Amino acid sequence: MLTGKRLTVVGAGAVAAAFAGVLAVAPSASAEPDPAGCGKGYFCAYSGAGQSGRLVLKVAGNWSGNLAVGSVFNNGVAYPGADHVDVTSYVGGQPSTDCFHYNPGPGRYKANAEAWLTITRVVWRGEC
C-alpha cells in the first residue's frame, strides 16, 4: 500500500459513460505521455473515453466510493508491492475486479468503459 500520498476526487457529477469492454490499447515499449491532469504516481479516471472529458478521480492511495467513469489510466510508478491497481466496478448490478499495470505496461494500464459502469474501489497492489 502506498502511504503518505494525496487523494483527490475531482468534480461531483461524472458523466455516466463506462468501461467500453475494458479493452486497452496495446502498450508500447516506452511510456505513454501523462494524460491531462494525471501526473506520475496516480491512478486517474475521466468522464470521457480515451482519457478525455473531465478528470473525475485522481488517487495515489486506495479509494472507495461510487463514481461513473468513461475511462481509467494507471500512471503509477515502479514500487514493489504497490504499483498495480485493482479496480472494482459494477455494470448492470454485476461486480467485476480488473488489475491494471502501471504505464507503460507490459499489460493493460488504461481502459475505456461500458455504458452505465461505475467504479467503487481502487486498491494499490503488487503484480497482477
Protein backbone atom coordinates (compact mmCIF):
# COMPACT_ATOMS: atom_id res chain seq x y z
CA MET A 1 0.00 0.00 0.00
CA LEU A 2 1.24 3.50 -0.75
CA THR A 3 1.27 5.67 2.34
CA GLY A 4 1.58 9.37 2.80
CA LYS A 5 0.13 10.12 -0.63
CA ARG A 6 -2.65 12.54 -1.55
CA LEU A 7 -6.20 11.61 -2.51
CA THR A 8 -8.16 13.93 -4.78
CA VAL A 9 -11.70 13.43 -6.10
CA VAL A 10 -12.44 15.97 -8.80
CA GLY A 11 -15.96 17.09 -9.68
CA ALA A 12 -19.32 15.98 -8.34
CA GLY A 13 -21.29 14.71 -11.33
CA ALA A 14 -19.31 12.42 -13.58
CA VAL A 15 -20.73 11.53 -16.98
CA ALA A 16 -22.44 8.13 -16.90
CA ALA A 17 -20.33 6.54 -19.60
CA ALA A 18 -18.44 3.40 -18.56
CA PHE A 19 -15.58 0.88 -19.35
CA ALA A 20 -16.15 0.07 -23.07
CA GLY A 21 -15.26 -3.57 -22.86
CA VAL A 22 -12.38 -2.71 -20.52
CA LEU A 23 -10.17 -3.05 -23.57
CA ALA A 24 -6.90 -1.19 -23.57
CA VAL A 25 -4.72 -0.11 -26.42
CA ALA A 26 -1.67 -2.37 -26.59
CA PRO A 27 1.12 -0.69 -24.63
CA SER A 28 4.33 0.29 -26.36
CA ALA A 29 7.86 -0.27 -25.10
CA SER A 30 8.14 3.34 -23.90
CA ALA A 31 5.85 5.17 -21.51
CA GLU A 32 2.85 6.95 -22.93
CA PRO A 33 2.69 10.67 -22.15
CA ASP A 34 0.85 11.59 -18.95
CA PRO A 35 -2.86 12.13 -19.62
CA ALA A 36 -4.27 15.58 -18.76
CA GLY A 37 -4.07 16.26 -15.02
CA CYS A 38 -2.69 12.80 -14.16
CA GLY A 39 0.96 13.04 -13.16
CA LYS A 40 3.23 10.07 -12.44
CA GLY A 41 2.27 8.15 -9.30
CA TYR A 42 -1.51 8.49 -9.72
CA PHE A 43 -4.46 6.39 -10.84
CA CYS A 44 -6.95 8.59 -12.67
CA ALA A 45 -10.48 8.35 -14.05
CA TYR A 46 -12.05 10.59 -16.68
CA SER A 47 -15.63 11.37 -17.69
CA GLY A 48 -14.98 10.52 -21.36
CA ALA A 49 -13.39 7.72 -23.35
CA GLY A 50 -9.65 7.77 -24.08
CA GLN A 51 -8.83 9.90 -21.01
CA SER A 52 -10.96 12.75 -22.34
CA GLY A 53 -13.53 14.96 -20.69
CA ARG A 54 -13.19 15.95 -17.05
CA LEU A 55 -10.72 14.38 -14.63
CA VAL A 56 -13.13 12.93 -12.04
CA LEU A 57 -10.74 10.92 -9.84
CA LYS A 58 -7.02 11.22 -9.06
CA VAL A 59 -5.61 8.96 -6.33
CA ALA A 60 -2.15 7.98 -5.15
CA GLY A 61 -3.58 5.66 -2.49
CA ASN A 62 -6.55 3.36 -2.02
CA TRP A 63 -10.03 4.81 -2.69
CA SER A 64 -13.64 3.73 -2.30
CA GLY A 65 -16.89 5.40 -3.31
CA ASN A 66 -19.30 5.25 -6.24
CA LEU A 67 -18.27 7.05 -9.42
CA ALA A 68 -19.44 6.79 -13.04
CA VAL A 69 -16.46 7.00 -15.41
CA GLY A 70 -15.66 6.96 -19.12
CA SER A 71 -12.07 5.76 -18.90
CA VAL A 72 -9.25 4.99 -16.45
CA PHE A 73 -5.44 5.26 -16.53
CA ASN A 74 -2.83 3.88 -14.09
CA ASN A 75 0.06 6.33 -14.20
CA GLY A 76 1.77 4.74 -11.20
CA VAL A 77 5.50 4.20 -10.91
CA ALA A 78 7.54 1.07 -10.20
CA TYR A 79 7.11 0.39 -6.48
CA PRO A 80 7.36 -3.25 -5.35
CA GLY A 81 4.07 -4.44 -3.90
CA ALA A 82 2.14 -1.27 -4.75
CA ASP A 83 2.44 -0.25 -8.40
CA HIS A 84 -0.55 -2.02 -9.94
CA VAL A 85 -4.18 -1.31 -9.08
CA ASP A 86 -7.25 -3.49 -8.66
CA VAL A 87 -10.32 -1.57 -9.81
CA THR A 88 -13.71 -2.87 -8.71
CA SER A 89 -16.58 -1.81 -10.95
CA TYR A 90 -20.26 -2.51 -11.44
CA VAL A 91 -22.24 -2.59 -14.65
CA GLY A 92 -25.82 -3.85 -14.62
CA GLY A 93 -25.50 -4.72 -10.92
CA GLN A 94 -22.69 -7.22 -11.51
CA PRO A 95 -19.32 -6.63 -9.76
CA SER A 96 -16.02 -7.12 -11.53
CA THR A 97 -12.42 -6.50 -10.46
CA ASP A 98 -9.72 -5.80 -13.02
CA CYS A 99 -5.99 -5.29 -12.43
CA PHE A 100 -4.11 -2.52 -14.24
CA HIS A 101 -0.31 -2.40 -14.61
CA TYR A 102 1.37 0.99 -14.47
CA ASN A 103 2.16 2.90 -17.68
CA PRO A 104 3.75 1.62 -19.99
CA GLY A 105 2.99 -2.00 -19.14
CA PRO A 106 3.52 -4.81 -20.02
CA GLY A 107 -0.17 -5.49 -19.80
CA ARG A 108 -3.05 -3.10 -19.73
CA TYR A 109 -2.67 0.19 -17.90
CA LYS A 110 -5.72 2.02 -19.29
CA ALA A 111 -9.25 1.21 -20.42
CA ASN A 112 -12.45 2.72 -21.75
CA ALA A 113 -15.75 1.99 -20.05
CA GLU A 114 -19.03 0.34 -20.98
CA ALA A 115 -22.25 2.32 -20.59
CA TRP A 116 -23.58 2.51 -17.01
CA LEU A 117 -20.34 1.36 -15.39
CA THR A 118 -19.36 2.77 -12.01
CA ILE A 119 -16.16 2.19 -10.09
CA THR A 120 -16.44 1.56 -6.37
CA ARG A 121 -12.92 0.73 -5.26
CA VAL A 122 -9.27 1.27 -6.23
CA VAL A 123 -6.65 -0.75 -4.33
CA TRP A 124 -2.91 -0.49 -4.98
CA ARG A 125 -1.16 -3.88 -5.07
CA GLY A 126 1.76 -5.85 -6.47
CA GLU A 127 1.89 -7.70 -9.79
CA CYS A 128 -1.40 -8.71 -11.45
